[in-house]
Amino acid sequence: MLAEVSGRRGRAVARPDRPLPRHKRSGGDRPDRPRQRRRLAPWPSGVRPRPLERRRGVAQPLSFANKAGIQLFYDAAPLGALRSNGVSGTFSVSEGLARLLAGSGLTYRFTGANSVALATAQGAASGPVVIDPVQVGGAATGFNIQTPPDSGYQAKRILSTTKTETDLRDVPQAVTRQQMDDQAIQNLEGAVRYVPGVGFAQGEGNRDTAVFRGNSTTADFFLDGIRDDVEYYGDLYNIERVEVVKGPNAMIFGRGGVGGLINRVSRQADWTRTREAKVETGSNAHYRGSFDVGQGVDEAVALRLTGVYEVSESYRNGVELRRWGLNPTASFRLDENTLLQVGYEHFQDDRVADRGIPSFRGQPFETGTATFFGDPERSPVKARVDAVTAAVEHRFDNGISLRNRTGYRLNLYGSVQTAEPGRVPAVPSSRLSPSTILAGRRA
């Protein structure tokens, strides 16, 4: 490849792989045939981004010209301060030149079938290149009163403390949906397993009981920021994530009993097409199925339905569990600044209350793991939950948002237990049996 420079006018000749036509070898055009612009066959290219002029005046487009088999003419002086983005792929000569010189402040024109002249575009300078403004538009998908779905195990934003979509700084730890799915977490006890300082007690076989830094509580549970004070074991089939607040942050809710609380954020219709079904089975006759279906009906309405059904037995004799739930939700975009979300949940939990084994002389009584202390036929626990929720958000032009969430929950709970908690009477172990520990019927 040859490059000749004379004053401010440079002439670069790239030898093509095939011989040029005879009239081109002499450097002139045939007088009996006018010049014609033609489109060469596509060619592969691979020119890296770099300044257009090297120290010895060899311009980057020469590599392009060499591969394309064309002659290149240019003014050497203006090229030193300009930069090309490079080009890679298979293009025609015209397409390749356009991509190579995009944003460089240069333009090109064909002076012959195999010759191209470069020139500085009008108005271009040695400084930054100003290009025409680019406008990007798209259809708005609306906004969500909830925080957007999380990706991965780390939640970026939260609603529990400030009740606004706020960055996580020194506020609670959140357990995301992906983490719950990957670990097959189905209850609150499993969700907070990796949250420092938070655990779960047995709950006397009746309900979730959280332990914050050694203090147990059954009242500091919230659903979408509204207190969920009901005696049952909550399921996570319709939960997007679980948020845990500890210490002084819990005072934001006004009356955290032990300086901590657990807030569940429910799944809502959000115009995202969702198709999910899960089926599982395990030991002790465990069977469970759940589903999540949702999509937007149109730009103003979105629907979503989640459900679960589970039956299971236990390693302890006579203990059984049957629960199921449905939670339809709908979102309505009333206008471009107002969103209304409504939902209804019916949840039912029927089980045998299993209060474990009693203590004897300061330690658990030594017995078989399958032993049930009580009468499983007369120890039922039944919970019924019917809940209606509505949330509305309006965003004003000045950036202020007004949110309101209203909930109504009807909770029916009933239990009959025939096992008395506490210590076992100090009698010889040879006389101990389930019949001596029964304390009668307790309602």
Protein backbone atom coordinates (compact mmCIF):
# COMPACT_ATOMS: atom_id res chain seq x y z
CA MET A 1 0.00 0.00 0.00
CA LEU A 2 1.43 3.44 -0.99
CA ALA A 3 0.76 6.87 0.48
CA GLU A 4 1.95 10.09 -1.11
CA VAL A 5 1.60 13.47 0.56
CA SER A 6 2.23 16.80 -1.24
CA GLY A 7 1.71 19.96 0.81
CA ARG A 8 -1.79 19.91 2.28
CA ARG A 9 -3.07 17.57 -0.36
CA GLY A 10 -2.55 13.86 0.21
CA ARG A 11 -3.06 10.98 -2.15
CA ALA A 12 -3.30 7.47 -0.75
CA VAL A 13 -3.38 4.52 -3.13
CA ALA A 14 -4.51 1.13 -1.87
CA ARG A 15 -3.60 -1.73 -4.15
CA PRO A 16 -6.65 -3.97 -4.67
CA ASP A 17 -6.43 -7.75 -4.70
CA ARG A 18 -7.44 -7.79 -8.39
CA PRO A 19 -5.81 -5.68 -11.14
CA LEU A 20 -7.48 -2.37 -11.84
CA PRO A 21 -8.98 -1.71 -15.30
CA ARG A 22 -6.47 -0.58 -17.93
CA HIS A 23 -7.75 2.98 -18.01
CA LYS A 24 -7.29 3.17 -14.23
CA ARG A 25 -3.68 1.98 -14.31
CA SER A 26 -2.66 5.22 -16.07
CA GLY A 27 -4.45 7.32 -13.42
CA GLY A 28 -7.11 8.75 -15.78
CA ASP A 29 -10.57 7.88 -17.00
CA ARG A 30 -11.42 6.77 -20.48
CA PRO A 31 -12.71 9.81 -22.42
CA ASP A 32 -15.40 7.85 -24.19
CA ARG A 33 -17.04 6.59 -20.97
CA PRO A 34 -18.29 8.90 -18.19
CA ARG A 35 -17.58 8.17 -14.53
CA GLN A 36 -20.13 5.97 -12.86
CA ARG A 37 -20.65 5.29 -9.15
CA ARG A 38 -21.07 1.63 -8.53
CA ARG A 39 -21.67 -0.51 -5.46
CA LEU A 40 -18.90 -3.00 -4.80
CA ALA A 41 -19.54 -6.46 -3.48
CA PRO A 42 -19.83 -6.75 0.31
CA TRP A 43 -16.50 -7.16 2.07
CA PRO A 44 -15.49 -8.16 5.61
CA SER A 45 -13.85 -5.44 7.65
CA GLY A 46 -12.25 -5.05 11.04
CA VAL A 47 -10.84 -1.59 11.69
CA ARG A 48 -10.20 -0.75 15.34
CA PRO A 49 -11.16 2.62 16.86
CA ARG A 50 -8.23 5.07 17.07
CA PRO A 51 -7.21 8.59 15.98
CA LEU A 52 -7.41 8.98 12.23
CA GLU A 53 -3.79 10.10 11.76
CA ARG A 54 -0.62 8.49 13.03
CA ARG A 55 2.67 10.31 13.57
CA ARG A 56 3.92 9.67 10.03
CA GLY A 57 0.71 10.84 8.40
CA VAL A 58 -0.72 7.38 7.56
CA ALA A 59 -4.47 7.66 8.11
CA GLN A 60 -6.69 4.93 9.59
CA PRO A 61 -8.97 4.83 6.52
CA LEU A 62 -6.03 3.39 4.57
CA SER A 63 -6.65 0.06 6.27
CA PHE A 64 -10.24 0.31 5.15
CA ALA A 65 -9.20 1.23 1.59
CA ASN A 66 -6.75 -1.64 1.42
CA LYS A 67 -9.41 -4.17 2.31
CA ALA A 68 -12.04 -2.59 0.07
CA GLY A 69 -9.72 -2.25 -2.97
CA ILE A 70 -10.22 1.48 -3.55
CA GLN A 71 -8.08 4.60 -4.00
CA LEU A 72 -8.36 7.15 -1.21
CA PHE A 73 -7.71 10.93 -1.47
CA TYR A 74 -7.66 13.19 1.61
CA ASP A 75 -6.29 16.38 3.17
CA ALA A 76 -3.78 15.32 5.82
CA ALA A 77 -3.81 18.38 8.09
CA PRO A 78 -7.32 18.24 9.57
CA LEU A 79 -7.16 14.54 10.43
CA GLY A 80 -4.91 14.66 13.47
CA ALA A 81 -7.56 15.83 15.96
CA LEU A 82 -10.36 13.66 14.62
CA ARG A 83 -11.29 10.19 15.77
CA SER A 84 -13.14 7.27 14.21
CA ASN A 85 -15.24 4.64 15.94
CA GLY A 86 -13.87 1.88 13.70
CA VAL A 87 -15.94 -0.66 11.83
CA SER A 88 -16.32 -4.42 11.94
CA GLY A 89 -18.55 -6.65 9.87
CA THR A 90 -19.48 -7.20 6.23
CA PHE A 91 -20.72 -4.16 4.32
CA SER A 92 -20.68 -2.57 0.92
CA VAL A 93 -18.08 0.18 0.39
CA SER A 94 -20.65 2.94 0.89
CA GLU A 95 -22.03 1.40 4.07
CA GLY A 96 -18.55 0.74 5.43
CA LEU A 97 -17.38 4.28 4.80
CA ALA A 98 -20.50 5.72 6.41
CA ARG A 99 -19.96 3.61 9.56
CA LEU A 100 -16.23 4.30 9.68
CA LEU A 101 -16.59 8.07 9.46
CA ALA A 102 -19.70 8.41 11.64
CA GLY A 103 -19.07 11.08 14.28
CA SER A 104 -15.56 11.88 12.97
CA GLY A 105 -16.45 15.17 11.30
CA LEU A 106 -15.52 13.81 7.87
CA THR A 107 -17.57 13.02 4.83
CA TYR A 108 -16.77 11.22 1.58
CA ARG A 109 -17.65 11.26 -2.11
CA PHE A 110 -16.87 8.94 -5.02
CA THR A 111 -14.65 10.54 -7.64
CA GLY A 112 -14.58 7.39 -9.71
CA ALA A 113 -15.63 3.78 -9.71
CA ASN A 114 -12.68 2.84 -7.44
CA SER A 115 -11.68 6.20 -5.96
CA VAL A 116 -13.01 8.07 -2.93
CA ALA A 117 -12.18 11.55 -1.63
CA LEU A 118 -12.44 12.48 2.06
CA ALA A 119 -13.34 16.00 3.13
CA THR A 120 -14.10 17.82 6.36
CA ALA A 121 -17.80 18.17 6.94
CA GLN A 122 -19.13 21.71 6.93
CA GLY A 123 -19.00 23.24 10.37
CA ALA A 124 -16.74 20.56 11.82
CA ALA A 125 -13.91 21.71 14.05
CA SER A 126 -11.03 20.16 15.91
CA GLY A 127 -13.06 20.13 19.11
CA PRO A 128 -16.00 17.90 20.06
CA VAL A 129 -18.27 16.90 17.21
CA VAL A 130 -21.84 18.10 17.59
CA ILE A 131 -24.40 15.73 16.13
CA ASP A 132 -28.10 16.16 15.62
CA PRO A 133 -30.23 15.43 18.70
CA VAL A 134 -31.65 11.94 18.98
CA GLN A 135 -35.11 11.48 20.44
CA VAL A 136 -36.02 8.14 21.99
CA GLY A 137 -39.67 7.43 22.70
CA GLY A 138 -41.64 4.49 24.02
CA ALA A 139 -44.99 3.53 25.42
CA ALA A 140 -45.27 4.15 29.14
CA THR A 141 -46.07 1.08 31.22
CA GLY A 142 -47.44 3.10 34.12
CA PHE A 143 -46.10 3.13 37.64
CA ASN A 144 -46.50 0.76 40.53
CA ILE A 145 -47.43 1.53 44.09
CA GLN A 146 -45.17 -1.36 45.00
CA THR A 147 -41.45 -1.33 44.34
CA PRO A 148 -40.45 -2.98 41.05
CA PRO A 149 -39.53 -6.71 41.09
CA ASP A 150 -36.04 -7.38 42.38
CA SER A 151 -33.32 -9.10 40.40
CA GLY A 152 -31.09 -11.44 42.38
CA TYR A 153 -30.82 -11.72 46.16
CA GLN A 154 -30.16 -8.05 46.93
CA ALA A 155 -33.09 -5.64 47.06
CA LYS A 156 -32.23 -2.10 45.95
CA ARG A 157 -35.27 -0.25 47.26
CA ILE A 158 -37.83 -0.72 50.00
CA LEU A 159 -41.24 0.58 51.18
CA SER A 160 -41.45 -0.55 54.81
CA THR A 161 -39.76 2.26 56.69
CA THR A 162 -40.52 5.47 54.84
CA LYS A 163 -43.57 4.03 53.03
CA THR A 164 -42.05 5.49 49.89
CA GLU A 165 -39.80 3.82 47.34
CA THR A 166 -36.49 4.59 49.05
CA ASP A 167 -32.94 3.34 48.57
CA LEU A 168 -31.68 0.80 51.08
CA ARG A 169 -29.16 2.49 53.31
CA ASP A 170 -29.49 1.83 57.04
CA VAL A 171 -32.97 0.34 56.87
CA PRO A 172 -34.04 -3.30 56.92
CA GLN A 173 -32.88 -6.37 55.18
CA ALA A 174 -35.13 -7.68 52.39
CA VAL A 175 -35.49 -11.29 51.23
CA THR A 176 -36.24 -11.24 47.49
CA ARG A 177 -38.50 -13.52 45.48
CA GLN A 178 -35.54 -15.07 43.66
CA GLN A 179 -33.94 -16.08 46.94
CA MET A 180 -37.21 -17.60 48.16
CA ASP A 181 -37.61 -19.55 44.91
CA ASP A 182 -34.02 -20.79 44.83
CA GLN A 183 -34.24 -22.03 48.42
CA ALA A 184 -37.84 -23.29 48.12
CA ILE A 185 -38.92 -21.07 51.02
CA GLN A 186 -42.63 -21.31 51.78
CA ASN A 187 -43.03 -19.69 55.19
CA LEU A 188 -41.73 -16.75 57.19
CA GLU A 189 -39.48 -18.89 59.35
CA GLY A 190 -37.51 -19.95 56.29
CA ALA A 191 -37.49 -16.44 54.86
CA VAL A 192 -35.69 -14.88 57.84
CA ARG A 193 -33.30 -17.77 58.35
CA TYR A 194 -30.35 -15.70 57.12
CA VAL A 195 -31.35 -12.40 58.72
CA PRO A 196 -29.02 -11.74 61.70
CA GLY A 197 -30.71 -11.38 65.07
CA VAL A 198 -34.09 -12.72 63.92
CA GLY A 199 -35.46 -16.21 64.46
CA PHE A 200 -38.72 -18.06 64.99
CA ALA A 201 -40.18 -19.89 67.98
CA GLN A 202 -42.56 -22.83 67.88
CA GLY A 203 -45.61 -20.60 68.23
CA GLU A 204 -47.38 -23.19 70.37
CA GLY A 205 -48.43 -24.94 67.17
CA ASN A 206 -50.87 -22.16 66.32
CA ARG A 207 -49.19 -19.21 64.59
CA ASP A 208 -45.97 -17.55 63.46
CA THR A 209 -43.89 -16.27 66.38
CA ALA A 210 -40.87 -14.13 65.56
CA VAL A 211 -37.94 -13.63 67.93
CA PHE A 212 -36.07 -10.32 67.62
CA ARG A 213 -32.80 -10.35 69.55
CA GLY A 214 -34.16 -12.83 72.07
CA ASN A 215 -37.63 -11.26 72.46
CA SER A 216 -40.59 -13.15 71.00
CA THR A 217 -43.61 -11.46 69.43
CA THR A 218 -46.78 -12.51 67.63
CA ALA A 219 -48.05 -9.01 66.85
CA ASP A 220 -45.35 -7.37 64.71
CA PHE A 221 -46.38 -8.74 61.33
CA PHE A 222 -47.43 -6.48 58.46
CA LEU A 223 -48.77 -7.06 54.97
CA ASP A 224 -48.05 -4.22 52.52
CA GLY A 225 -47.51 -1.93 55.49
CA ILE A 226 -50.81 -2.78 57.22
CA ARG A 227 -50.77 -4.79 60.44
CA ASP A 228 -51.61 -8.47 59.91
CA ASP A 229 -52.47 -9.57 63.44
CA VAL A 230 -54.05 -12.96 62.85
CA GLU A 231 -53.34 -16.34 64.40
CA TYR A 232 -52.13 -18.49 61.53
CA TYR A 233 -48.99 -19.52 59.69
CA GLY A 234 -48.52 -17.18 56.75
CA ASP A 235 -47.75 -18.62 53.33
CA LEU A 236 -45.52 -16.94 50.73
CA TYR A 237 -47.34 -18.06 47.57
CA ASN A 238 -48.50 -14.49 46.84
CA ILE A 239 -45.53 -12.62 48.30
CA GLU A 240 -42.97 -10.71 46.22
CA ARG A 241 -40.50 -10.29 49.07
CA VAL A 242 -40.15 -10.16 52.86
CA GLU A 243 -38.76 -7.07 54.62
CA VAL A 244 -37.32 -7.19 58.14
CA VAL A 245 -36.92 -4.07 60.28
CA LYS A 246 -34.89 -4.17 63.49
CA GLY A 247 -33.88 -1.73 66.19
CA PRO A 248 -34.66 2.03 66.02
CA ASN A 249 -35.93 1.73 62.44
CA ALA A 250 -38.94 -0.17 63.75
CA MET A 251 -40.10 2.97 65.59
CA ILE A 252 -41.23 4.39 62.24
CA PHE A 253 -44.28 2.15 62.53
CA GLY A 254 -45.07 3.68 65.91
CA ARG A 255 -45.57 0.65 68.13
CA GLY A 256 -43.09 -2.13 67.42
CA GLY A 257 -43.45 -4.36 70.47
CA VAL A 258 -39.83 -5.51 70.68
CA GLY A 259 -38.11 -3.10 68.31
CA GLY A 260 -38.61 -5.15 65.19
CA LEU A 261 -41.17 -6.18 62.62
CA ILE A 262 -41.66 -8.26 59.47
CA ASN A 263 -43.46 -6.81 56.47
CA ARG A 264 -44.60 -8.92 53.51
CA VAL A 265 -44.93 -7.23 50.13
CA SER A 266 -47.61 -8.92 48.04
CA ARG A 267 -47.61 -9.55 44.31
CA GLN A 268 -49.67 -7.12 42.28
CA ALA A 269 -50.89 -6.90 38.70
CA ASP A 270 -48.26 -4.80 36.92
CA TRP A 271 -48.76 -5.34 33.15
CA THR A 272 -46.02 -8.00 33.15
CA ARG A 273 -46.91 -11.25 31.40
CA THR A 274 -46.44 -13.97 34.02
CA ARG A 275 -46.88 -17.72 33.62
CA GLU A 276 -45.63 -19.79 36.56
CA ALA A 277 -46.62 -23.17 37.97
CA LYS A 278 -44.86 -25.25 40.63
CA VAL A 279 -45.50 -28.76 41.88
CA GLU A 280 -43.56 -30.48 44.65
CA THR A 281 -43.70 -33.63 46.71
CA GLY A 282 -41.72 -34.88 49.65
CA SER A 283 -41.55 -37.26 52.58
CA ASN A 284 -44.39 -37.68 55.04
CA ALA A 285 -46.99 -37.57 52.25
CA HIS A 286 -46.21 -33.97 51.35
CA TYR A 287 -47.81 -32.54 48.19
CA ARG A 288 -47.95 -28.90 47.15
CA GLY A 289 -48.84 -26.95 44.03
CA SER A 290 -48.89 -23.22 43.29
CA PHE A 291 -49.37 -20.96 40.29
CA ASP A 292 -48.99 -17.32 39.27
CA VAL A 293 -50.69 -15.97 36.12
CA GLY A 294 -50.86 -12.35 35.09
CA GLN A 295 -50.80 -9.96 32.15
CA GLY A 296 -52.12 -6.64 30.94
CA VAL A 297 -55.54 -6.65 29.32
CA ASP A 298 -54.86 -3.30 27.67
CA GLU A 299 -52.95 -0.14 28.50
CA ALA A 300 -55.37 0.72 31.30
CA VAL A 301 -56.14 -2.67 32.94
CA ALA A 302 -53.92 -5.49 34.24
CA LEU A 303 -54.92 -8.71 36.03
CA ARG A 304 -53.06 -11.27 38.12
CA LEU A 305 -54.06 -14.45 39.96
CA THR A 306 -51.97 -16.47 42.42
CA GLY A 307 -52.99 -19.65 44.21
CA VAL A 308 -51.70 -22.53 46.34
CA TYR A 309 -52.90 -25.93 47.57
CA GLU A 310 -50.99 -28.11 50.04
CA VAL A 311 -51.59 -31.34 51.96
CA SER A 312 -49.03 -32.92 54.22
CA GLU A 313 -48.53 -35.23 57.15
CA SER A 314 -45.72 -35.23 59.71
CA TYR A 315 -43.06 -37.44 61.23
CA ARG A 316 -45.17 -37.23 64.40
CA ASN A 317 -48.13 -39.56 64.68
CA GLY A 318 -51.52 -38.06 63.82
CA VAL A 319 -50.31 -34.62 62.70
CA GLU A 320 -51.80 -33.44 59.39
CA LEU A 321 -51.97 -30.21 57.41
CA ARG A 322 -54.28 -28.97 54.65
CA ARG A 323 -54.19 -25.40 53.33
CA TRP A 324 -55.15 -23.52 50.22
CA GLY A 325 -55.48 -19.93 49.05
CA LEU A 326 -56.42 -17.70 46.11
CA ASN A 327 -55.42 -14.09 45.57
CA PRO A 328 -56.73 -12.21 42.49
CA THR A 329 -55.50 -8.63 41.96
CA ALA A 330 -56.26 -5.94 39.38
CA SER A 331 -54.63 -2.64 38.47
CA PHE A 332 -56.35 0.26 36.73
CA ARG A 333 -54.57 3.23 35.21
CA LEU A 334 -57.20 5.93 35.69
CA ASP A 335 -55.04 8.49 33.91
CA GLU A 336 -51.36 9.03 33.23
CA ASN A 337 -50.74 10.11 36.84
CA THR A 338 -53.22 7.98 38.82
CA LEU A 339 -53.07 4.25 39.53
CA LEU A 340 -55.60 2.12 41.43
CA GLN A 341 -54.83 -1.41 42.65
CA VAL A 342 -57.40 -3.73 44.24
CA GLY A 343 -57.15 -7.28 45.50
CA TYR A 344 -58.96 -10.03 47.39
CA GLU A 345 -57.51 -13.02 49.21
CA HIS A 346 -59.11 -16.11 50.66
CA PHE A 347 -56.81 -18.34 52.68
CA GLN A 348 -57.67 -21.42 54.69
CA ASP A 349 -55.41 -23.45 57.00
CA ASP A 350 -56.52 -26.65 58.76
CA ARG A 351 -54.00 -28.59 60.83
CA VAL A 352 -53.39 -30.56 63.99
CA ALA A 353 -51.69 -28.46 66.67
CA ASP A 354 -48.30 -30.01 67.37
CA ARG A 355 -46.78 -28.52 70.50
CA GLY A 356 -43.77 -30.77 70.58
CA ILE A 357 -42.65 -32.74 73.58
CA PRO A 358 -42.62 -31.59 77.22
CA SER A 359 -39.55 -31.14 79.39
CA PHE A 360 -38.50 -33.42 82.22
CA ARG A 361 -35.93 -32.38 84.85
CA GLY A 362 -34.83 -29.41 82.77
CA GLN A 363 -34.46 -31.15 79.45
CA PRO A 364 -36.69 -32.59 76.71
CA PHE A 365 -38.33 -35.83 77.71
CA GLU A 366 -36.58 -38.79 76.13
CA THR A 367 -39.08 -40.46 73.84
CA GLY A 368 -39.52 -41.49 70.24
CA THR A 369 -39.63 -38.68 67.68
CA ALA A 370 -43.00 -39.93 66.41
CA THR A 371 -44.67 -39.70 69.82
CA PHE A 372 -47.55 -37.19 69.97
CA PHE A 373 -48.32 -35.92 73.45
CA GLY A 374 -52.05 -35.41 73.30
CA ASP A 375 -54.97 -36.58 71.20
CA PRO A 376 -54.55 -35.58 67.53
CA GLU A 377 -58.23 -36.24 66.88
CA ARG A 378 -59.13 -33.55 69.40
CA SER A 379 -56.40 -30.99 68.64
CA PRO A 380 -57.57 -29.18 65.50
CA VAL A 381 -56.53 -25.65 64.56
CA LYS A 382 -58.56 -23.88 61.90
CA ALA A 383 -57.89 -20.46 60.38
CA ARG A 384 -59.93 -18.61 57.75
CA VAL A 385 -58.80 -15.34 56.22
CA ASP A 386 -60.80 -13.12 53.87
CA ALA A 387 -59.07 -9.87 53.00
CA VAL A 388 -59.89 -6.97 50.67
CA THR A 389 -57.27 -4.33 49.85
CA ALA A 390 -57.24 -1.16 47.78
CA ALA A 391 -54.36 1.19 47.05
CA VAL A 392 -54.33 4.41 45.07
CA GLU A 393 -51.46 6.66 44.08
CA HIS A 394 -51.51 10.02 42.34
CA ARG A 395 -48.43 11.85 41.15
CA PHE A 396 -48.61 15.60 40.84
CA ASP A 397 -46.73 17.64 38.25
CA ASN A 398 -44.35 19.01 40.89
CA GLY A 399 -43.09 15.51 41.72
CA ILE A 400 -45.13 15.00 44.90
CA SER A 401 -46.95 11.66 45.21
CA LEU A 402 -50.03 10.95 47.30
CA ARG A 403 -50.55 7.33 48.34
CA ASN A 404 -53.27 5.61 50.32
CA ARG A 405 -53.76 1.94 51.14
CA THR A 406 -56.88 0.56 52.79
CA GLY A 407 -57.39 -3.00 53.97
CA TYR A 408 -60.21 -5.01 55.50
CA ARG A 409 -59.50 -8.46 56.94
CA LEU A 410 -61.95 -10.94 58.40
CA ASN A 411 -60.07 -13.58 60.41
CA LEU A 412 -61.81 -16.61 61.89
CA TYR A 413 -59.73 -18.77 64.20
CA GLY A 414 -60.56 -21.78 66.32
CA SER A 415 -58.53 -24.41 68.14
CA VAL A 416 -59.00 -27.29 70.56
CA GLN A 417 -55.90 -28.73 72.24
CA THR A 418 -55.51 -31.69 74.53
CA ALA A 419 -51.80 -31.31 75.32
CA GLU A 420 -50.80 -29.23 78.33
CA PRO A 421 -47.60 -27.19 77.93
CA GLY A 422 -45.06 -27.00 80.71
CA ARG A 423 -43.15 -29.47 82.79
CA VAL A 424 -43.87 -33.14 83.27
CA PRO A 425 -44.68 -34.12 86.88
CA ALA A 426 -41.69 -35.54 88.72
CA VAL A 427 -42.64 -39.19 88.54
CA PRO A 428 -40.37 -42.13 87.78
CA SER A 429 -39.67 -42.43 84.09
CA SER A 430 -40.91 -46.02 84.15
CA ARG A 431 -44.41 -44.71 84.87
CA LEU A 432 -44.35 -41.98 82.20
CA SER A 433 -46.47 -42.51 79.11
CA PRO A 434 -48.56 -40.28 76.82
CA SER A 435 -51.63 -41.11 78.92
CA THR A 436 -50.06 -39.67 82.10
CA ILE A 437 -49.22 -36.39 80.36
CA LEU A 438 -52.63 -35.68 78.88
CA ALA A 439 -54.19 -32.73 80.64
CA GLY A 440 -57.69 -33.01 79.24
CA ARG A 441 -59.43 -30.92 76.71
CA ARG A 442 -58.53 -27.27 76.36
CA ALA A 443 -60.39 -24.77 74.21
